[in-house]
Amino acid sequence: MPDYHDLRYLGATDAALPASPQEAELEAVPDPHAELDYLVRFTVPEFTSLCPVTGQPDFAFLMIDYVPDGLILESKSLKLFLGAFRNCGAFHEDCTLTIAQRIIGAVVPKWLRIGGYWYPRGGIPVDVFYRTGEPPPGVWIPDQDVPSYRGRG
């Protein structure tokens, strides 16, 4: 059994939101099923950030899918990282791609896909999609099934 005592956030009662996404630390743990290819999905229906120009809040439904390659992402550190965007001014594209790149840097997955389904700003929903390439053969990759804008649900 791996030793998880070096995790900074999981189990900590004093884990505060980082001041910014840059200051946030994404933690990884050894994959207990590293011999298998499988999909991990994080669904984030209430992601928030700020418009870098107006300071107004922006809202998105994020769906993050990845196939581990020896490490899995610790979810509390992800929650704190994503929460750090609440006071961060960045365009939709920047937020979505920054999240993808930070996850890639933390766990170096075999495959990653992120869908950033942003609620309208100025009457136009902006959706941002990124993936690292083709998923490994044989892995079940369900559709993201986030409705096109009509209240997103």
N, C-alpha and C. Protein backbone atom coordinates (compact mmCIF):
# COMPACT_ATOMS: atom_id res chain seq x y z
N MET A 1 0.85 -1.18 0.00
CA MET A 1 0.00 0.00 0.00
C MET A 1 0.89 1.25 0.00
N PRO A 2 0.64 2.17 -0.92
CA PRO A 2 1.47 3.40 -0.96
C PRO A 2 1.28 4.25 0.30
N ASP A 3 2.27 5.03 0.60
CA ASP A 3 2.21 5.96 1.72
C ASP A 3 1.68 7.29 1.20
N TYR A 4 0.52 7.70 1.71
CA TYR A 4 -0.11 8.94 1.26
C TYR A 4 0.13 10.09 2.23
N HIS A 5 1.02 9.93 3.18
CA HIS A 5 1.24 10.95 4.19
C HIS A 5 1.89 12.22 3.64
N ASP A 6 2.48 12.13 2.46
CA ASP A 6 3.12 13.32 1.89
C ASP A 6 2.13 14.20 1.13
N LEU A 7 0.86 13.80 1.06
CA LEU A 7 -0.15 14.64 0.40
C LEU A 7 -0.43 15.86 1.28
N ARG A 8 -0.45 17.00 0.66
CA ARG A 8 -0.59 18.25 1.39
C ARG A 8 -2.04 18.60 1.70
N TYR A 9 -2.98 18.23 0.81
CA TYR A 9 -4.35 18.70 0.95
C TYR A 9 -5.32 17.65 1.46
N LEU A 10 -5.25 16.43 0.96
CA LEU A 10 -6.20 15.40 1.34
C LEU A 10 -6.13 15.13 2.83
N GLY A 11 -7.26 15.27 3.50
CA GLY A 11 -7.31 15.07 4.94
C GLY A 11 -6.98 16.31 5.75
N ALA A 12 -6.47 17.34 5.11
CA ALA A 12 -6.13 18.57 5.83
C ALA A 12 -7.38 19.41 6.05
N THR A 13 -7.59 19.84 7.26
CA THR A 13 -8.76 20.67 7.56
C THR A 13 -8.48 22.16 7.35
N ASP A 14 -7.21 22.50 7.14
CA ASP A 14 -6.84 23.91 6.98
C ASP A 14 -6.42 24.24 5.56
N ALA A 15 -6.82 23.43 4.59
CA ALA A 15 -6.43 23.67 3.19
C ALA A 15 -7.28 24.80 2.62
N ALA A 16 -6.68 25.96 2.46
CA ALA A 16 -7.37 27.13 1.93
C ALA A 16 -7.19 27.21 0.42
N LEU A 17 -8.10 27.93 -0.22
CA LEU A 17 -7.95 28.16 -1.66
C LEU A 17 -6.65 28.90 -1.92
N PRO A 18 -5.87 28.46 -2.90
CA PRO A 18 -4.68 29.22 -3.27
C PRO A 18 -5.07 30.61 -3.79
N ALA A 19 -4.17 31.55 -3.66
CA ALA A 19 -4.44 32.92 -4.11
C ALA A 19 -4.60 33.02 -5.61
N SER A 20 -3.98 32.11 -6.36
CA SER A 20 -4.07 32.13 -7.81
C SER A 20 -3.84 30.71 -8.33
N PRO A 21 -4.25 30.44 -9.56
CA PRO A 21 -3.97 29.12 -10.15
C PRO A 21 -2.47 28.82 -10.22
N GLN A 22 -1.66 29.85 -10.43
CA GLN A 22 -0.21 29.66 -10.51
C GLN A 22 0.37 29.17 -9.19
N GLU A 23 -0.23 29.59 -8.08
CA GLU A 23 0.25 29.19 -6.76
C GLU A 23 -0.29 27.83 -6.32
N ALA A 24 -1.32 27.33 -7.02
CA ALA A 24 -1.94 26.06 -6.64
C ALA A 24 -1.04 24.89 -7.02
N GLU A 25 -1.10 23.87 -6.20
CA GLU A 25 -0.32 22.66 -6.44
C GLU A 25 -1.26 21.51 -6.75
N LEU A 26 -1.07 20.88 -7.89
CA LEU A 26 -1.82 19.67 -8.22
C LEU A 26 -1.01 18.48 -7.72
N GLU A 27 -1.64 17.63 -6.96
CA GLU A 27 -0.96 16.47 -6.40
C GLU A 27 -1.37 15.21 -7.14
N ALA A 28 -0.44 14.28 -7.22
CA ALA A 28 -0.69 13.00 -7.88
C ALA A 28 -0.30 11.87 -6.94
N VAL A 29 -0.96 10.74 -7.13
CA VAL A 29 -0.63 9.54 -6.35
C VAL A 29 -0.44 8.38 -7.32
N PRO A 30 0.27 7.34 -6.90
CA PRO A 30 0.44 6.19 -7.78
C PRO A 30 -0.90 5.56 -8.15
N ASP A 31 -1.03 5.19 -9.39
CA ASP A 31 -2.24 4.55 -9.89
C ASP A 31 -2.29 3.11 -9.35
N PRO A 32 -3.32 2.78 -8.56
CA PRO A 32 -3.39 1.43 -8.00
C PRO A 32 -3.69 0.35 -9.05
N HIS A 33 -4.05 0.77 -10.25
CA HIS A 33 -4.34 -0.16 -11.35
C HIS A 33 -3.57 0.24 -12.59
N ALA A 34 -2.30 0.50 -12.42
CA ALA A 34 -1.46 0.99 -13.52
C ALA A 34 -1.37 0.00 -14.68
N GLU A 35 -1.68 -1.26 -14.43
CA GLU A 35 -1.62 -2.26 -15.50
C GLU A 35 -2.81 -2.17 -16.45
N LEU A 36 -3.82 -1.38 -16.09
CA LEU A 36 -5.04 -1.25 -16.90
C LEU A 36 -5.13 0.12 -17.54
N ASP A 37 -5.70 0.17 -18.73
CA ASP A 37 -6.06 1.44 -19.35
C ASP A 37 -7.53 1.69 -19.05
N TYR A 38 -7.82 2.83 -18.44
CA TYR A 38 -9.20 3.19 -18.10
C TYR A 38 -9.31 4.71 -18.09
N LEU A 39 -10.55 5.18 -18.11
CA LEU A 39 -10.81 6.62 -18.16
C LEU A 39 -11.18 7.14 -16.78
N VAL A 40 -10.63 8.30 -16.44
CA VAL A 40 -11.04 9.04 -15.24
C VAL A 40 -11.73 10.31 -15.73
N ARG A 41 -12.90 10.60 -15.17
CA ARG A 41 -13.64 11.80 -15.56
C ARG A 41 -13.90 12.67 -14.34
N PHE A 42 -13.58 13.96 -14.49
CA PHE A 42 -13.94 14.97 -13.51
C PHE A 42 -14.98 15.87 -14.16
N THR A 43 -16.12 16.03 -13.50
CA THR A 43 -17.19 16.88 -13.99
C THR A 43 -17.29 18.08 -13.06
N VAL A 44 -17.18 19.26 -13.63
CA VAL A 44 -17.15 20.50 -12.83
C VAL A 44 -18.26 21.41 -13.36
N PRO A 45 -19.48 21.27 -12.82
CA PRO A 45 -20.60 22.03 -13.38
C PRO A 45 -20.67 23.49 -12.96
N GLU A 46 -19.85 23.92 -11.99
CA GLU A 46 -19.95 25.29 -11.49
C GLU A 46 -18.59 25.98 -11.44
N PHE A 47 -17.81 25.86 -12.49
CA PHE A 47 -16.51 26.52 -12.56
C PHE A 47 -16.72 28.02 -12.74
N THR A 48 -15.89 28.82 -12.05
CA THR A 48 -15.98 30.28 -12.19
C THR A 48 -14.60 30.89 -12.34
N SER A 49 -14.57 31.96 -13.08
CA SER A 49 -13.37 32.79 -13.23
C SER A 49 -13.86 34.22 -13.45
N LEU A 50 -12.94 35.11 -13.75
CA LEU A 50 -13.31 36.51 -14.00
C LEU A 50 -12.88 36.92 -15.40
N CYS A 51 -13.68 37.78 -16.01
CA CYS A 51 -13.27 38.39 -17.28
C CYS A 51 -12.05 39.26 -17.00
N PRO A 52 -10.98 39.10 -17.80
CA PRO A 52 -9.77 39.87 -17.53
C PRO A 52 -9.91 41.36 -17.83
N VAL A 53 -10.95 41.74 -18.55
CA VAL A 53 -11.13 43.15 -18.91
C VAL A 53 -12.13 43.83 -17.98
N THR A 54 -13.30 43.21 -17.80
CA THR A 54 -14.36 43.84 -17.02
C THR A 54 -14.37 43.44 -15.55
N GLY A 55 -13.75 42.31 -15.23
CA GLY A 55 -13.80 41.81 -13.86
C GLY A 55 -15.10 41.10 -13.53
N GLN A 56 -16.00 41.01 -14.50
CA GLN A 56 -17.27 40.32 -14.28
C GLN A 56 -17.05 38.82 -14.21
N PRO A 57 -17.89 38.10 -13.45
CA PRO A 57 -17.71 36.65 -13.34
C PRO A 57 -18.10 35.92 -14.62
N ASP A 58 -17.35 34.88 -14.91
CA ASP A 58 -17.66 33.97 -16.01
C ASP A 58 -17.91 32.59 -15.41
N PHE A 59 -18.80 31.84 -16.02
CA PHE A 59 -19.19 30.53 -15.51
C PHE A 59 -19.05 29.49 -16.61
N ALA A 60 -18.64 28.29 -16.22
CA ALA A 60 -18.49 27.22 -17.20
C ALA A 60 -18.83 25.87 -16.57
N PHE A 61 -19.17 24.96 -17.43
CA PHE A 61 -19.31 23.54 -17.10
C PHE A 61 -18.09 22.89 -17.73
N LEU A 62 -17.17 22.39 -16.90
CA LEU A 62 -15.97 21.73 -17.41
C LEU A 62 -16.13 20.22 -17.32
N MET A 63 -15.64 19.52 -18.31
CA MET A 63 -15.55 18.07 -18.26
C MET A 63 -14.14 17.68 -18.66
N ILE A 64 -13.48 17.00 -17.74
CA ILE A 64 -12.08 16.62 -17.91
C ILE A 64 -12.00 15.10 -17.91
N ASP A 65 -11.49 14.54 -18.98
CA ASP A 65 -11.30 13.09 -19.12
C ASP A 65 -9.82 12.82 -19.32
N TYR A 66 -9.30 11.79 -18.64
CA TYR A 66 -7.93 11.40 -18.90
C TYR A 66 -7.73 9.91 -18.66
N VAL A 67 -6.74 9.36 -19.34
CA VAL A 67 -6.33 7.97 -19.15
C VAL A 67 -4.99 8.02 -18.43
N PRO A 68 -4.94 7.50 -17.19
CA PRO A 68 -3.70 7.57 -16.41
C PRO A 68 -2.55 6.78 -17.04
N ASP A 69 -1.35 7.19 -16.67
CA ASP A 69 -0.13 6.47 -17.08
C ASP A 69 0.81 6.38 -15.88
N GLY A 70 0.34 5.70 -14.84
CA GLY A 70 1.17 5.50 -13.65
C GLY A 70 0.81 6.39 -12.48
N LEU A 71 0.17 7.54 -12.75
CA LEU A 71 -0.24 8.46 -11.69
C LEU A 71 -1.70 8.84 -11.88
N ILE A 72 -2.39 9.07 -10.78
CA ILE A 72 -3.75 9.62 -10.84
C ILE A 72 -3.76 10.95 -10.09
N LEU A 73 -4.65 11.82 -10.52
CA LEU A 73 -4.76 13.15 -9.95
C LEU A 73 -5.55 13.09 -8.65
N GLU A 74 -5.02 13.68 -7.60
CA GLU A 74 -5.71 13.72 -6.32
C GLU A 74 -6.79 14.80 -6.42
N SER A 75 -8.03 14.43 -6.15
CA SER A 75 -9.16 15.30 -6.47
C SER A 75 -9.28 16.54 -5.58
N LYS A 76 -8.86 16.47 -4.33
CA LYS A 76 -8.97 17.68 -3.49
C LYS A 76 -8.00 18.76 -3.99
N SER A 77 -6.82 18.36 -4.42
CA SER A 77 -5.90 19.36 -4.96
C SER A 77 -6.46 19.96 -6.25
N LEU A 78 -7.16 19.13 -7.04
CA LEU A 78 -7.81 19.66 -8.25
C LEU A 78 -8.89 20.65 -7.88
N LYS A 79 -9.69 20.33 -6.87
CA LYS A 79 -10.76 21.23 -6.44
C LYS A 79 -10.18 22.58 -6.01
N LEU A 80 -9.10 22.56 -5.24
CA LEU A 80 -8.50 23.81 -4.80
C LEU A 80 -7.88 24.59 -5.97
N PHE A 81 -7.24 23.87 -6.89
CA PHE A 81 -6.68 24.51 -8.09
C PHE A 81 -7.78 25.20 -8.90
N LEU A 82 -8.87 24.48 -9.14
CA LEU A 82 -9.96 25.06 -9.92
C LEU A 82 -10.62 26.23 -9.18
N GLY A 83 -10.73 26.11 -7.87
CA GLY A 83 -11.30 27.20 -7.08
C GLY A 83 -10.46 28.46 -7.12
N ALA A 84 -9.16 28.32 -7.34
CA ALA A 84 -8.27 29.48 -7.40
C ALA A 84 -8.57 30.37 -8.61
N PHE A 85 -9.29 29.86 -9.59
CA PHE A 85 -9.66 30.68 -10.75
C PHE A 85 -10.76 31.68 -10.42
N ARG A 86 -11.42 31.55 -9.29
CA ARG A 86 -12.53 32.43 -8.93
C ARG A 86 -12.14 33.90 -8.91
N ASN A 87 -10.90 34.16 -8.56
CA ASN A 87 -10.42 35.54 -8.50
C ASN A 87 -9.38 35.82 -9.57
N CYS A 88 -9.36 34.99 -10.59
CA CYS A 88 -8.36 35.10 -11.65
C CYS A 88 -9.00 35.67 -12.91
N GLY A 89 -8.41 36.69 -13.45
CA GLY A 89 -8.88 37.26 -14.70
C GLY A 89 -8.22 36.57 -15.88
N ALA A 90 -9.00 35.84 -16.66
CA ALA A 90 -8.47 35.14 -17.84
C ALA A 90 -9.60 34.85 -18.81
N PHE A 91 -9.28 34.87 -20.08
CA PHE A 91 -10.27 34.52 -21.09
C PHE A 91 -10.59 33.03 -21.02
N HIS A 92 -11.73 32.66 -21.57
CA HIS A 92 -12.20 31.27 -21.54
C HIS A 92 -11.16 30.31 -22.08
N GLU A 93 -10.57 30.68 -23.20
CA GLU A 93 -9.58 29.81 -23.83
C GLU A 93 -8.38 29.60 -22.91
N ASP A 94 -7.93 30.67 -22.28
CA ASP A 94 -6.78 30.59 -21.39
C ASP A 94 -7.08 29.70 -20.19
N CYS A 95 -8.23 29.88 -19.56
CA CYS A 95 -8.59 29.04 -18.42
C CYS A 95 -8.61 27.57 -18.82
N THR A 96 -9.32 27.25 -19.89
CA THR A 96 -9.48 25.85 -20.30
C THR A 96 -8.14 25.21 -20.62
N LEU A 97 -7.30 25.90 -21.39
CA LEU A 97 -6.02 25.31 -21.78
C LEU A 97 -5.01 25.30 -20.64
N THR A 98 -5.07 26.28 -19.74
CA THR A 98 -4.20 26.26 -18.57
C THR A 98 -4.52 25.05 -17.70
N ILE A 99 -5.79 24.77 -17.50
CA ILE A 99 -6.19 23.61 -16.71
C ILE A 99 -5.66 22.33 -17.36
N ALA A 100 -5.83 22.20 -18.66
CA ALA A 100 -5.34 21.01 -19.37
C ALA A 100 -3.83 20.87 -19.21
N GLN A 101 -3.09 21.94 -19.42
CA GLN A 101 -1.63 21.86 -19.35
C GLN A 101 -1.13 21.56 -17.94
N ARG A 102 -1.78 22.10 -16.94
CA ARG A 102 -1.37 21.82 -15.56
C ARG A 102 -1.62 20.36 -15.19
N ILE A 103 -2.75 19.81 -15.65
CA ILE A 103 -3.04 18.40 -15.37
C ILE A 103 -2.01 17.52 -16.09
N ILE A 104 -1.72 17.85 -17.33
CA ILE A 104 -0.71 17.10 -18.08
C ILE A 104 0.63 17.14 -17.34
N GLY A 105 1.00 18.29 -16.84
CA GLY A 105 2.26 18.42 -16.11
C GLY A 105 2.27 17.64 -14.81
N ALA A 106 1.12 17.49 -14.18
CA ALA A 106 1.05 16.81 -12.88
C ALA A 106 1.05 15.29 -13.00
N VAL A 107 0.32 14.75 -13.99
CA VAL A 107 0.17 13.29 -14.04
C VAL A 107 0.68 12.66 -15.34
N VAL A 108 1.03 13.45 -16.33
CA VAL A 108 1.53 12.96 -17.62
C VAL A 108 0.66 11.79 -18.11
N PRO A 109 -0.61 12.07 -18.41
CA PRO A 109 -1.52 10.99 -18.79
C PRO A 109 -1.22 10.43 -20.18
N LYS A 110 -1.73 9.24 -20.43
CA LYS A 110 -1.63 8.67 -21.78
C LYS A 110 -2.49 9.48 -22.75
N TRP A 111 -3.56 10.05 -22.24
CA TRP A 111 -4.49 10.81 -23.07
C TRP A 111 -5.28 11.74 -22.17
N LEU A 112 -5.60 12.93 -22.67
CA LEU A 112 -6.42 13.88 -21.93
C LEU A 112 -7.33 14.61 -22.90
N ARG A 113 -8.54 14.87 -22.43
CA ARG A 113 -9.51 15.69 -23.18
C ARG A 113 -10.21 16.58 -22.17
N ILE A 114 -10.37 17.85 -22.54
CA ILE A 114 -11.14 18.77 -21.70
C ILE A 114 -12.14 19.51 -22.59
N GLY A 115 -13.35 19.61 -22.09
CA GLY A 115 -14.37 20.44 -22.72
C GLY A 115 -14.73 21.56 -21.76
N GLY A 116 -14.54 22.79 -22.19
CA GLY A 116 -14.94 23.96 -21.41
C GLY A 116 -16.19 24.52 -22.06
N TYR A 117 -17.33 24.29 -21.44
CA TYR A 117 -18.62 24.73 -21.97
C TYR A 117 -19.00 25.99 -21.20
N TRP A 118 -18.69 27.13 -21.78
CA TRP A 118 -18.84 28.42 -21.11
C TRP A 118 -20.22 29.00 -21.34
N TYR A 119 -20.80 29.54 -20.29
CA TYR A 119 -22.09 30.20 -20.39
C TYR A 119 -21.90 31.52 -21.13
N PRO A 120 -22.97 32.05 -21.73
CA PRO A 120 -22.83 33.22 -22.60
C PRO A 120 -22.23 34.43 -21.92
N ARG A 121 -21.41 35.10 -22.69
CA ARG A 121 -20.93 36.44 -22.35
C ARG A 121 -21.31 37.26 -23.58
N GLY A 122 -22.08 38.32 -23.37
CA GLY A 122 -22.53 39.12 -24.50
C GLY A 122 -23.46 38.34 -25.42
N GLY A 123 -24.16 37.35 -24.86
CA GLY A 123 -25.12 36.58 -25.63
C GLY A 123 -24.53 35.42 -26.43
N ILE A 124 -23.22 35.21 -26.33
CA ILE A 124 -22.56 34.15 -27.12
C ILE A 124 -21.87 33.17 -26.18
N PRO A 125 -22.34 31.91 -26.15
CA PRO A 125 -21.58 30.92 -25.38
C PRO A 125 -20.29 30.58 -26.12
N VAL A 126 -19.22 30.46 -25.39
CA VAL A 126 -17.92 30.11 -25.98
C VAL A 126 -17.53 28.74 -25.43
N ASP A 127 -17.39 27.76 -26.29
CA ASP A 127 -16.98 26.43 -25.86
C ASP A 127 -15.56 26.18 -26.35
N VAL A 128 -14.72 25.64 -25.47
CA VAL A 128 -13.31 25.43 -25.77
C VAL A 128 -13.00 23.95 -25.55
N PHE A 129 -12.38 23.32 -26.56
CA PHE A 129 -12.08 21.89 -26.50
C PHE A 129 -10.61 21.65 -26.78
N TYR A 130 -10.04 20.68 -26.05
CA TYR A 130 -8.64 20.32 -26.25
C TYR A 130 -8.47 18.85 -25.95
N ARG A 131 -7.62 18.20 -26.73
CA ARG A 131 -7.22 16.84 -26.40
C ARG A 131 -5.80 16.62 -26.88
N THR A 132 -5.16 15.63 -26.29
CA THR A 132 -3.75 15.41 -26.56
C THR A 132 -3.49 14.53 -27.77
N GLY A 133 -4.47 13.91 -28.33
CA GLY A 133 -4.30 13.01 -29.47
C GLY A 133 -5.37 11.95 -29.43
N GLU A 134 -5.06 10.80 -29.99
CA GLU A 134 -6.03 9.70 -29.99
C GLU A 134 -5.95 8.95 -28.66
N PRO A 135 -7.11 8.53 -28.13
CA PRO A 135 -7.08 7.75 -26.89
C PRO A 135 -6.50 6.36 -27.15
N PRO A 136 -5.98 5.72 -26.10
CA PRO A 136 -5.47 4.36 -26.26
C PRO A 136 -6.58 3.43 -26.76
N PRO A 137 -6.24 2.47 -27.61
CA PRO A 137 -7.27 1.55 -28.12
C PRO A 137 -7.89 0.74 -26.98
N GLY A 138 -9.18 0.51 -27.11
CA GLY A 138 -9.89 -0.33 -26.16
C GLY A 138 -10.42 0.39 -24.94
N VAL A 139 -10.10 1.67 -24.75
CA VAL A 139 -10.61 2.41 -23.60
C VAL A 139 -11.99 2.97 -23.95
N TRP A 140 -12.94 2.74 -23.07
CA TRP A 140 -14.27 3.29 -23.29
C TRP A 140 -14.24 4.78 -23.00
N ILE A 141 -14.54 5.57 -24.03
CA ILE A 141 -14.55 7.03 -23.92
C ILE A 141 -15.99 7.49 -24.14
N PRO A 142 -16.74 7.71 -23.07
CA PRO A 142 -18.12 8.16 -23.25
C PRO A 142 -18.17 9.59 -23.80
N ASP A 143 -19.26 9.92 -24.47
CA ASP A 143 -19.47 11.28 -24.92
C ASP A 143 -19.53 12.21 -23.71
N GLN A 144 -19.23 13.47 -23.94
CA GLN A 144 -19.33 14.42 -22.83
C GLN A 144 -20.79 14.80 -22.57
N ASP A 145 -21.62 14.79 -23.59
CA ASP A 145 -23.07 15.00 -23.42
C ASP A 145 -23.45 16.25 -22.63
N VAL A 146 -22.70 17.32 -22.79
CA VAL A 146 -23.09 18.60 -22.19
C VAL A 146 -23.94 19.31 -23.23
N PRO A 147 -25.17 19.68 -22.87
CA PRO A 147 -26.06 20.27 -23.87
C PRO A 147 -25.49 21.55 -24.47
N SER A 148 -25.76 21.75 -25.77
CA SER A 148 -25.43 23.04 -26.34
C SER A 148 -26.27 24.07 -25.60
N TYR A 149 -25.90 25.31 -25.66
CA TYR A 149 -26.51 26.27 -24.75
C TYR A 149 -28.02 26.38 -24.92
N ARG A 150 -28.69 26.16 -23.90
CA ARG A 150 -30.12 26.41 -23.71
C ARG A 150 -30.31 26.32 -22.21
N GLY A 151 -29.48 27.06 -21.53
CA GLY A 151 -29.48 27.00 -20.08
C GLY A 151 -28.56 25.90 -19.58
N ARG A 152 -27.87 25.19 -20.51
CA ARG A 152 -26.93 24.12 -20.18
C ARG A 152 -27.56 23.05 -19.31
N GLY A 153 -28.80 22.73 -19.60
CA GLY A 153 -29.34 21.61 -18.85
C GLY A 153 -30.76 21.67 -18.63
